[in-house]
PDB file of all heavy atoms in Angstrom:
ATOM      1  N   TYR A   1       6.078   1.305  -1.048  1.00  0.00           N
ATOM      2  CA  TYR A   1       7.036   2.045  -1.902  1.00  0.00           C
ATOM      3  C   TYR A   1       6.255   2.586  -3.051  1.00  0.00           C
ATOM      4  O   TYR A   1       5.198   2.116  -3.424  1.00  0.00           O
ATOM      5  CB  TYR A   1       8.226   1.097  -2.249  1.00  0.00           C
ATOM      6  CG  TYR A   1       8.947   0.609  -1.088  1.00  0.00           C
ATOM      7  CD1 TYR A   1       8.690  -0.596  -0.474  1.00  0.00           C
ATOM      8  CD2 TYR A   1      10.021   1.360  -0.540  1.00  0.00           C
ATOM      9  CE1 TYR A   1       9.333  -1.214   0.616  1.00  0.00           C
ATOM     10  CE2 TYR A   1      10.672   0.949   0.552  1.00  0.00           C
ATOM     11  CZ  TYR A   1      10.470  -0.278   1.135  1.00  0.00           C
ATOM     12  OH  TYR A   1      11.098  -0.699   2.195  1.00  0.00           O
ATOM     13  N   ASP A   2       6.952   3.601  -3.528  1.00  0.00           N
ATOM     14  CA  ASP A   2       6.436   4.292  -4.806  1.00  0.00           C
ATOM     15  C   ASP A   2       6.913   3.454  -6.098  1.00  0.00           C
ATOM     16  O   ASP A   2       6.418   3.332  -7.105  1.00  0.00           O
ATOM     17  CB  ASP A   2       6.787   5.664  -5.110  1.00  0.00           C
ATOM     18  CG  ASP A   2       6.130   6.580  -3.856  1.00  0.00           C
ATOM     19  OD1 ASP A   2       4.865   6.557  -3.992  1.00  0.00           O
ATOM     20  OD2 ASP A   2       6.957   7.151  -3.113  1.00  0.00           O
ATOM     21  N   VAL A   3       8.270   2.880  -5.844  1.00  0.00           N
ATOM     22  CA  VAL A   3       8.873   2.214  -6.945  1.00  0.00           C
ATOM     23  C   VAL A   3       9.778   1.113  -6.343  1.00  0.00           C
ATOM     24  O   VAL A   3      10.381   1.382  -5.291  1.00  0.00           O
ATOM     25  CB  VAL A   3       9.804   3.096  -7.858  1.00  0.00           C
ATOM     26  CG1 VAL A   3      10.406   2.360  -8.944  1.00  0.00           C
ATOM     27  CG2 VAL A   3       8.851   4.209  -8.563  1.00  0.00           C
ATOM     28  N   VAL A   4       9.980  -0.022  -7.057  1.00  0.00           N
ATOM     29  CA  VAL A   4      10.941  -1.005  -6.651  1.00  0.00           C
ATOM     30  C   VAL A   4      12.009  -1.167  -7.829  1.00  0.00           C
ATOM     31  O   VAL A   4      11.519  -1.375  -9.002  1.00  0.00           O
ATOM     32  CB  VAL A   4      10.388  -2.402  -6.358  1.00  0.00           C
ATOM     33  CG1 VAL A   4      11.301  -3.452  -6.117  1.00  0.00           C
ATOM     34  CG2 VAL A   4       9.327  -2.396  -5.221  1.00  0.00           C
ATOM     35  N   LEU A   5      13.201  -0.890  -7.500  1.00  0.00           N
ATOM     36  CA  LEU A   5      14.248  -1.128  -8.522  1.00  0.00           C
ATOM     37  C   LEU A   5      14.703  -2.578  -8.249  1.00  0.00           C
ATOM     38  O   LEU A   5      15.303  -2.908  -7.170  1.00  0.00           O
ATOM     39  CB  LEU A   5      15.454  -0.221  -8.349  1.00  0.00           C
ATOM     40  CG  LEU A   5      15.025   1.270  -8.612  1.00  0.00           C
ATOM     41  CD1 LEU A   5      16.298   2.119  -8.389  1.00  0.00           C
ATOM     42  CD2 LEU A   5      14.420   1.559  -9.853  1.00  0.00           C
ATOM     43  N   LEU A   6      14.647  -3.464  -9.175  1.00  0.00           N
ATOM     44  CA  LEU A   6      14.809  -4.803  -8.936  1.00  0.00           C
ATOM     45  C   LEU A   6      15.766  -5.539  -9.896  1.00  0.00           C
ATOM     46  O   LEU A   6      15.411  -5.688 -11.111  1.00  0.00           O
ATOM     47  CB  LEU A   6      13.482  -5.664  -8.906  1.00  0.00           C
ATOM     48  CG  LEU A   6      13.384  -6.941  -8.667  1.00  0.00           C
ATOM     49  CD1 LEU A   6      13.784  -7.329  -7.135  1.00  0.00           C
ATOM     50  CD2 LEU A   6      12.020  -7.528  -8.980  1.00  0.00           C
ATOM     51  N   ASP A   7      16.844  -6.068  -9.262  1.00  0.00           N
ATOM     52  CA  ASP A   7      17.765  -6.836 -10.057  1.00  0.00           C
ATOM     53  C   ASP A   7      17.053  -8.227 -10.296  1.00  0.00           C
ATOM     54  O   ASP A   7      16.394  -8.776  -9.391  1.00  0.00           O
ATOM     55  CB  ASP A   7      19.110  -7.116  -9.416  1.00  0.00           C
ATOM     56  CG  ASP A   7      20.112  -7.726 -10.107  1.00  0.00           C
ATOM     57  OD1 ASP A   7      19.922  -7.807 -11.342  1.00  0.00           O
ATOM     58  OD2 ASP A   7      21.152  -8.202  -9.598  1.00  0.00           O
ATOM     59  N   LEU A   8      17.326  -8.945 -11.442  1.00  0.00           N
ATOM     60  CA  LEU A   8      16.771 -10.352 -11.624  1.00  0.00           C
ATOM     61  C   LEU A   8      17.613 -11.492 -11.008  1.00  0.00           C
ATOM     62  O   LEU A   8      17.071 -12.334 -10.416  1.00  0.00           O
ATOM     63  CB  LEU A   8      16.559 -10.451 -13.175  1.00  0.00           C
ATOM     64  CG  LEU A   8      15.524  -9.716 -13.828  1.00  0.00           C
ATOM     65  CD1 LEU A   8      15.302 -10.067 -15.326  1.00  0.00           C
ATOM     66  CD2 LEU A   8      14.057  -9.863 -13.080  1.00  0.00           C
ATOM     67  N   LEU A   9      18.932 -11.395 -11.259  1.00  0.00           N
ATOM     68  CA  LEU A   9      19.770 -12.429 -10.836  1.00  0.00           C
ATOM     69  C   LEU A   9      20.408 -12.171  -9.497  1.00  0.00           C
ATOM     70  O   LEU A   9      21.342 -11.446  -9.318  1.00  0.00           O
ATOM     71  CB  LEU A   9      20.969 -12.557 -11.874  1.00  0.00           C
ATOM     72  CG  LEU A   9      20.450 -12.834 -13.293  1.00  0.00           C
ATOM     73  CD1 LEU A   9      21.569 -12.921 -14.264  1.00  0.00           C
ATOM     74  CD2 LEU A   9      19.672 -14.121 -13.459  1.00  0.00           C
ATOM     75  N   MET A  10      19.907 -12.870  -8.478  1.00  0.00           N
ATOM     76  CA  MET A  10      20.259 -12.772  -7.131  1.00  0.00           C
ATOM     77  C   MET A  10      20.285 -14.118  -6.324  1.00  0.00           C
ATOM     78  O   MET A  10      19.453 -15.017  -6.770  1.00  0.00           O
ATOM     79  CB  MET A  10      19.499 -11.819  -6.304  1.00  0.00           C
ATOM     80  CG  MET A  10      19.447 -10.401  -6.868  1.00  0.00           C
ATOM     81  SD  MET A  10      18.461  -9.247  -5.852  1.00  0.00           S
ATOM     82  CE  MET A  10      16.788  -9.800  -6.375  1.00  0.00           C
ATOM     83  N   PRO A  11      21.045 -14.374  -5.319  1.00  0.00           N
ATOM     84  CA  PRO A  11      21.051 -15.523  -4.686  1.00  0.00           C
ATOM     85  C   PRO A  11      19.705 -15.609  -3.670  1.00  0.00           C
ATOM     86  O   PRO A  11      19.033 -14.632  -3.611  1.00  0.00           O
ATOM     87  CB  PRO A  11      22.274 -15.533  -3.678  1.00  0.00           C
ATOM     88  CG  PRO A  11      22.512 -14.078  -3.535  1.00  0.00           C
ATOM     89  CD  PRO A  11      22.119 -13.323  -4.898  1.00  0.00           C
ATOM     90  N   ARG A  12      19.455 -16.700  -3.228  1.00  0.00           N
ATOM     91  CA  ARG A  12      18.399 -17.060  -2.384  1.00  0.00           C
ATOM     92  C   ARG A  12      16.992 -16.896  -3.146  1.00  0.00           C
ATOM     93  O   ARG A  12      16.632 -17.847  -3.748  1.00  0.00           O
ATOM     94  CB  ARG A  12      18.394 -16.346  -1.124  1.00  0.00           C
ATOM     95  CG  ARG A  12      19.639 -16.638  -0.266  1.00  0.00           C
ATOM     96  CD  ARG A  12      19.478 -16.310   1.199  1.00  0.00           C
ATOM     97  NE  ARG A  12      19.391 -14.908   1.488  1.00  0.00           N
ATOM     98  CZ  ARG A  12      19.124 -14.425   2.685  1.00  0.00           C
ATOM     99  NH1 ARG A  12      19.224 -15.145   3.662  1.00  0.00           N
ATOM    100  NH2 ARG A  12      18.934 -13.114   2.695  1.00  0.00           N
ATOM    101  N   VAL A  13      16.425 -15.718  -3.134  1.00  0.00           N
ATOM    102  CA  VAL A  13      15.259 -15.434  -3.926  1.00  0.00           C
ATOM    103  C   VAL A  13      15.651 -14.480  -5.059  1.00  0.00           C
ATOM    104  O   VAL A  13      16.144 -13.477  -4.707  1.00  0.00           O
ATOM    105  CB  VAL A  13      14.163 -14.932  -3.022  1.00  0.00           C
ATOM    106  CG1 VAL A  13      12.930 -14.636  -3.851  1.00  0.00           C
ATOM    107  CG2 VAL A  13      13.782 -15.842  -1.886  1.00  0.00           C
ATOM    108  N   ASP A  14      15.376 -14.802  -6.358  1.00  0.00           N
ATOM    109  CA  ASP A  14      15.756 -13.952  -7.360  1.00  0.00           C
ATOM    110  C   ASP A  14      14.584 -12.971  -7.632  1.00  0.00           C
ATOM    111  O   ASP A  14      13.511 -12.897  -7.013  1.00  0.00           O
ATOM    112  CB  ASP A  14      16.059 -14.745  -8.606  1.00  0.00           C
ATOM    113  CG  ASP A  14      14.903 -15.479  -9.260  1.00  0.00           C
ATOM    114  OD1 ASP A  14      13.800 -15.258  -8.764  1.00  0.00           O
ATOM    115  OD2 ASP A  14      15.274 -16.224 -10.226  1.00  0.00           O
ATOM    116  N   GLY A  15      14.895 -12.008  -8.619  1.00  0.00           N
ATOM    117  CA  GLY A  15      13.792 -10.965  -9.016  1.00  0.00           C
ATOM    118  C   GLY A  15      12.562 -11.526  -9.394  1.00  0.00           C
ATOM    119  O   GLY A  15      11.443 -11.003  -9.058  1.00  0.00           O
ATOM    120  N   LEU A  16      12.621 -12.629 -10.148  1.00  0.00           N
ATOM    121  CA  LEU A  16      11.285 -13.347 -10.513  1.00  0.00           C
ATOM    122  C   LEU A  16      10.539 -13.880  -9.285  1.00  0.00           C
ATOM    123  O   LEU A  16       9.268 -13.816  -9.365  1.00  0.00           O
ATOM    124  CB  LEU A  16      11.604 -14.435 -11.377  1.00  0.00           C
ATOM    125  CG  LEU A  16      12.193 -14.072 -12.806  1.00  0.00           C
ATOM    126  CD1 LEU A  16      12.517 -15.342 -13.570  1.00  0.00           C
ATOM    127  CD2 LEU A  16      11.413 -13.044 -13.537  1.00  0.00           C
ATOM    128  N   GLY A  17      11.168 -14.299  -8.308  1.00  0.00           N
ATOM    129  CA  GLY A  17      10.554 -14.700  -7.050  1.00  0.00           C
ATOM    130  C   GLY A  17       9.942 -13.500  -6.300  1.00  0.00           C
ATOM    131  O   GLY A  17       8.849 -13.606  -5.715  1.00  0.00           O
ATOM    132  N   VAL A  18      10.526 -12.349  -6.352  1.00  0.00           N
ATOM    133  CA  VAL A  18       9.986 -11.182  -5.679  1.00  0.00           C
ATOM    134  C   VAL A  18       8.700 -10.782  -6.483  1.00  0.00           C
ATOM    135  O   VAL A  18       7.672 -10.438  -5.864  1.00  0.00           O
ATOM    136  CB  VAL A  18      11.054  -9.865  -5.758  1.00  0.00           C
ATOM    137  CG1 VAL A  18      10.325  -8.688  -5.291  1.00  0.00           C
ATOM    138  CG2 VAL A  18      12.206 -10.398  -4.831  1.00  0.00           C
ATOM    139  N   ILE A  19       8.783 -10.767  -7.752  1.00  0.00           N
ATOM    140  CA  ILE A  19       7.615 -10.314  -8.637  1.00  0.00           C
ATOM    141  C   ILE A  19       6.441 -11.428  -8.327  1.00  0.00           C
ATOM    142  O   ILE A  19       5.287 -10.905  -8.171  1.00  0.00           O
ATOM    143  CB  ILE A  19       7.971 -10.228 -10.047  1.00  0.00           C
ATOM    144  CG1 ILE A  19       8.897  -9.105 -10.339  1.00  0.00           C
ATOM    145  CG2 ILE A  19       6.702 -10.290 -10.960  1.00  0.00           C
ATOM    146  CD1 ILE A  19       9.474  -9.096 -11.666  1.00  0.00           C
ATOM    147  N   SER A  20       6.758 -12.688  -8.208  1.00  0.00           N
ATOM    148  CA  SER A  20       5.723 -13.691  -7.884  1.00  0.00           C
ATOM    149  C   SER A  20       5.077 -13.383  -6.518  1.00  0.00           C
ATOM    150  O   SER A  20       3.821 -13.391  -6.365  1.00  0.00           O
ATOM    151  CB  SER A  20       6.319 -14.926  -7.914  1.00  0.00           C
ATOM    152  OG  SER A  20       6.647 -15.451  -9.277  1.00  0.00           O
ATOM    153  N   TYR A  21       5.921 -13.043  -5.554  1.00  0.00           N
ATOM    154  CA  TYR A  21       5.391 -12.635  -4.293  1.00  0.00           C
ATOM    155  C   TYR A  21       4.515 -11.504  -4.340  1.00  0.00           C
ATOM    156  O   TYR A  21       3.547 -11.397  -3.657  1.00  0.00           O
ATOM    157  CB  TYR A  21       6.611 -12.462  -3.286  1.00  0.00           C
ATOM    158  CG  TYR A  21       6.098 -11.827  -1.990  1.00  0.00           C
ATOM    159  CD1 TYR A  21       5.439 -12.599  -1.020  1.00  0.00           C
ATOM    160  CD2 TYR A  21       6.144 -10.463  -1.771  1.00  0.00           C
ATOM    161  CE1 TYR A  21       5.000 -12.018   0.140  1.00  0.00           C
ATOM    162  CE2 TYR A  21       5.713  -9.877  -0.657  1.00  0.00           C
ATOM    163  CZ  TYR A  21       5.201 -10.520   0.377  1.00  0.00           C
ATOM    164  OH  TYR A  21       4.714 -10.050   1.474  1.00  0.00           O
ATOM    165  N   MET A  22       4.887 -10.471  -5.009  1.00  0.00           N
ATOM    166  CA  MET A  22       4.185  -9.230  -5.051  1.00  0.00           C
ATOM    167  C   MET A  22       2.739  -9.544  -5.720  1.00  0.00           C
ATOM    168  O   MET A  22       1.739  -9.083  -5.240  1.00  0.00           O
ATOM    169  CB  MET A  22       4.819  -8.130  -5.878  1.00  0.00           C
ATOM    170  CG  MET A  22       6.184  -7.551  -5.225  1.00  0.00           C
ATOM    171  SD  MET A  22       7.115  -6.456  -6.239  1.00  0.00           S
ATOM    172  CE  MET A  22       5.927  -5.070  -6.353  1.00  0.00           C
ATOM    173  N   LYS A  23       2.699 -10.336  -6.765  1.00  0.00           N
ATOM    174  CA  LYS A  23       1.433 -10.682  -7.474  1.00  0.00           C
ATOM    175  C   LYS A  23       0.529 -11.398  -6.564  1.00  0.00           C
ATOM    176  O   LYS A  23      -0.564 -11.122  -6.333  1.00  0.00           O
ATOM    177  CB  LYS A  23       1.757 -11.559  -8.702  1.00  0.00           C
ATOM    178  CG  LYS A  23       2.296 -10.623  -9.895  1.00  0.00           C
ATOM    179  CD  LYS A  23       2.710 -11.470 -11.122  1.00  0.00           C
ATOM    180  CE  LYS A  23       1.689 -12.320 -11.511  1.00  0.00           C
ATOM    181  NZ  LYS A  23       2.001 -13.050 -12.798  1.00  0.00           N
ATOM    182  N   GLU A  24       1.169 -12.387  -5.776  1.00  0.00           N
ATOM    183  CA  GLU A  24       0.417 -13.216  -4.906  1.00  0.00           C
ATOM    184  C   GLU A  24      -0.200 -12.410  -3.775  1.00  0.00           C
ATOM    185  O   GLU A  24      -1.258 -12.770  -3.132  1.00  0.00           O
ATOM    186  CB  GLU A  24       1.144 -14.404  -4.405  1.00  0.00           C
ATOM    187  CG  GLU A  24       1.613 -15.428  -5.431  1.00  0.00           C
ATOM    188  CD  GLU A  24       2.622 -16.314  -5.009  1.00  0.00           C
ATOM    189  OE1 GLU A  24       3.006 -16.380  -3.813  1.00  0.00           O
ATOM    190  OE2 GLU A  24       3.083 -17.188  -5.778  1.00  0.00           O
ATOM    191  N   SER A  25       0.535 -11.408  -3.326  1.00  0.00           N
ATOM    192  CA  SER A  25       0.180 -10.626  -2.222  1.00  0.00           C
ATOM    193  C   SER A  25      -0.699  -9.392  -2.514  1.00  0.00           C
ATOM    194  O   SER A  25      -0.969  -8.661  -1.644  1.00  0.00           O
ATOM    195  CB  SER A  25       1.466 -10.065  -1.410  1.00  0.00           C
ATOM    196  OG  SER A  25       2.260 -11.270  -1.028  1.00  0.00           O
ATOM    197  N   GLY A  26      -0.866  -9.209  -3.819  1.00  0.00           N
ATOM    198  CA  GLY A  26      -1.713  -8.012  -4.197  1.00  0.00           C
ATOM    199  C   GLY A  26      -0.876  -6.731  -4.118  1.00  0.00           C
ATOM    200  O   GLY A  26      -1.477  -5.683  -4.136  1.00  0.00           O
ATOM    201  N   ILE A  27       0.491  -6.730  -4.083  1.00  0.00           N
ATOM    202  CA  ILE A  27       1.219  -5.565  -4.090  1.00  0.00           C
ATOM    203  C   ILE A  27       1.401  -4.988  -5.389  1.00  0.00           C
ATOM    204  O   ILE A  27       1.821  -5.729  -6.403  1.00  0.00           O
ATOM    205  CB  ILE A  27       2.661  -5.758  -3.484  1.00  0.00           C
ATOM    206  CG1 ILE A  27       2.433  -6.267  -1.964  1.00  0.00           C
ATOM    207  CG2 ILE A  27       3.552  -4.632  -3.584  1.00  0.00           C
ATOM    208  CD1 ILE A  27       3.692  -6.829  -1.438  1.00  0.00           C
ATOM    209  N   THR A  28       0.944  -3.796  -5.759  1.00  0.00           N
ATOM    210  CA  THR A  28       0.832  -3.340  -7.071  1.00  0.00           C
ATOM    211  C   THR A  28       2.028  -2.254  -7.301  1.00  0.00           C
ATOM    212  O   THR A  28       1.899  -1.470  -8.335  1.00  0.00           O
ATOM    213  CB  THR A  28      -0.471  -2.638  -7.384  1.00  0.00           C
ATOM    214  OG1 THR A  28      -0.722  -1.598  -6.595  1.00  0.00           O
ATOM    215  CG2 THR A  28      -1.569  -3.802  -7.417  1.00  0.00           C
ATOM    216  N   THR A  29       2.961  -2.117  -6.567  1.00  0.00           N
ATOM    217  CA  THR A  29       3.987  -1.121  -6.685  1.00  0.00           C
ATOM    218  C   THR A  29       4.655  -1.453  -7.993  1.00  0.00           C
ATOM    219  O   THR A  29       5.178  -2.505  -8.274  1.00  0.00           O
ATOM    220  CB  THR A  29       5.188  -1.258  -5.481  1.00  0.00           C
ATOM    221  OG1 THR A  29       4.393  -1.154  -4.272  1.00  0.00           O
ATOM    222  CG2 THR A  29       6.198  -0.372  -5.576  1.00  0.00           C
ATOM    223  N   PRO A  30       4.928  -0.347  -8.748  1.00  0.00           N
ATOM    224  CA  PRO A  30       5.644  -0.432 -10.038  1.00  0.00           C
ATOM    225  C   PRO A  30       7.135  -0.915  -9.825  1.00  0.00           C
ATOM    226  O   PRO A  30       7.700  -0.432  -8.945  1.00  0.00           O
ATOM    227  CB  PRO A  30       5.601   0.997 -10.551  1.00  0.00           C
ATOM    228  CG  PRO A  30       4.426   1.684  -9.892  1.00  0.00           C
ATOM    229  CD  PRO A  30       4.496   1.158  -8.585  1.00  0.00           C
ATOM    230  N   VAL A  31       7.487  -1.771 -10.843  1.00  0.00           N
ATOM    231  CA  VAL A  31       8.842  -2.305 -10.673  1.00  0.00           C
ATOM    232  C   VAL A  31       9.617  -1.870 -12.019  1.00  0.00           C
ATOM    233  O   VAL A  31       9.174  -1.802 -13.027  1.00  0.00           O
ATOM    234  CB  VAL A  31       8.879  -3.990 -10.751  1.00  0.00           C
ATOM    235  CG1 VAL A  31      10.093  -4.484 -10.812  1.00  0.00           C
ATOM    236  CG2 VAL A  31       8.080  -4.333  -9.551  1.00  0.00           C
ATOM    237  N   VAL A  32      10.903  -1.427 -11.616  1.00  0.00           N
ATOM    238  CA  VAL A  32      11.859  -1.137 -12.705  1.00  0.00           C
ATOM    239  C   VAL A  32      12.941  -2.300 -12.588  1.00  0.00           C
ATOM    240  O   VAL A  32      13.639  -2.384 -11.550  1.00  0.00           O
ATOM    241  CB  VAL A  32      12.474   0.273 -12.540  1.00  0.00           C
ATOM    242  CG1 VAL A  32      13.668   0.337 -13.636  1.00  0.00           C
ATOM    243  CG2 VAL A  32      11.465   1.294 -12.684  1.00  0.00           C
ATOM    244  N   VAL A  33      13.007  -3.188 -13.514  1.00  0.00           N
ATOM    245  CA  VAL A  33      13.880  -4.238 -13.533  1.00  0.00           C
ATOM    246  C   VAL A  33      15.260  -3.643 -13.903  1.00  0.00           C
ATOM    247  O   VAL A  33      15.336  -2.888 -14.933  1.00  0.00           O
ATOM    248  CB  VAL A  33      13.479  -5.471 -14.486  1.00  0.00           C
ATOM    249  CG1 VAL A  33      14.688  -6.380 -14.720  1.00  0.00           C
ATOM    250  CG2 VAL A  33      12.308  -6.140 -13.953  1.00  0.00           C
ATOM    251  N   ILE A  34      16.300  -3.961 -13.219  1.00  0.00           N
ATOM    252  CA  ILE A  34      17.682  -3.625 -13.530  1.00  0.00           C
ATOM    253  C   ILE A  34      18.481  -4.756 -13.554  1.00  0.00           C
ATOM    254  O   ILE A  34      18.726  -5.524 -12.547  1.00  0.00           O
ATOM    255  CB  ILE A  34      18.182  -2.558 -12.584  1.00  0.00           C
ATOM    256  CG1 ILE A  34      18.106  -2.956 -11.092  1.00  0.00           C
ATOM    257  CG2 ILE A  34      17.511  -1.232 -12.790  1.00  0.00           C
ATOM    258  CD1 ILE A  34      18.617  -2.173 -10.179  1.00  0.00           C
ATOM    259  N   SER A  35      18.984  -5.195 -14.816  1.00  0.00           N
ATOM    260  CA  SER A  35      19.725  -6.462 -14.790  1.00  0.00           C
ATOM    261  C   SER A  35      20.843  -6.357 -15.980  1.00  0.00           C
ATOM    262  O   SER A  35      20.709  -5.718 -16.872  1.00  0.00           O
ATOM    263  CB  SER A  35      18.719  -7.574 -15.224  1.00  0.00           C
ATOM    264  OG  SER A  35      19.438  -8.822 -15.226  1.00  0.00           O
ATOM    265  N   ALA A  36      21.894  -7.118 -15.650  1.00  0.00           N
ATOM    266  CA  ALA A  36      23.034  -7.064 -16.600  1.00  0.00           C
ATOM    267  C   ALA A  36      22.643  -7.984 -17.801  1.00  0.00           C
ATOM    268  O   ALA A  36      23.177  -7.857 -18.860  1.00  0.00           O
ATOM    269  CB  ALA A  36      24.319  -7.577 -15.916  1.00  0.00           C
ATOM    270  N   VAL A  37      21.660  -8.963 -17.406  1.00  0.00           N
ATOM    271  CA  VAL A  37      21.315  -9.918 -18.432  1.00  0.00           C
ATOM    272  C   VAL A  37      20.027  -9.675 -18.858  1.00  0.00           C
ATOM    273  O   VAL A  37      19.014  -9.820 -18.122  1.00  0.00           O
ATOM    274  CB  VAL A  37      21.474 -11.347 -17.884  1.00  0.00           C
ATOM    275  CG1 VAL A  37      21.152 -12.406 -18.928  1.00  0.00           C
ATOM    276  CG2 VAL A  37      23.029 -11.558 -17.543  1.00  0.00           C
TER     277      VAL A  37
END
């Protein structure tokens, strides 16, 4: 992807979990965090 629009507060795996996965996997896609909190 060119961009990931990512909510932080979600069930099962939250946005922080996605970011951790991306870092561990070497995925450098830019992330735009979108969150109510």
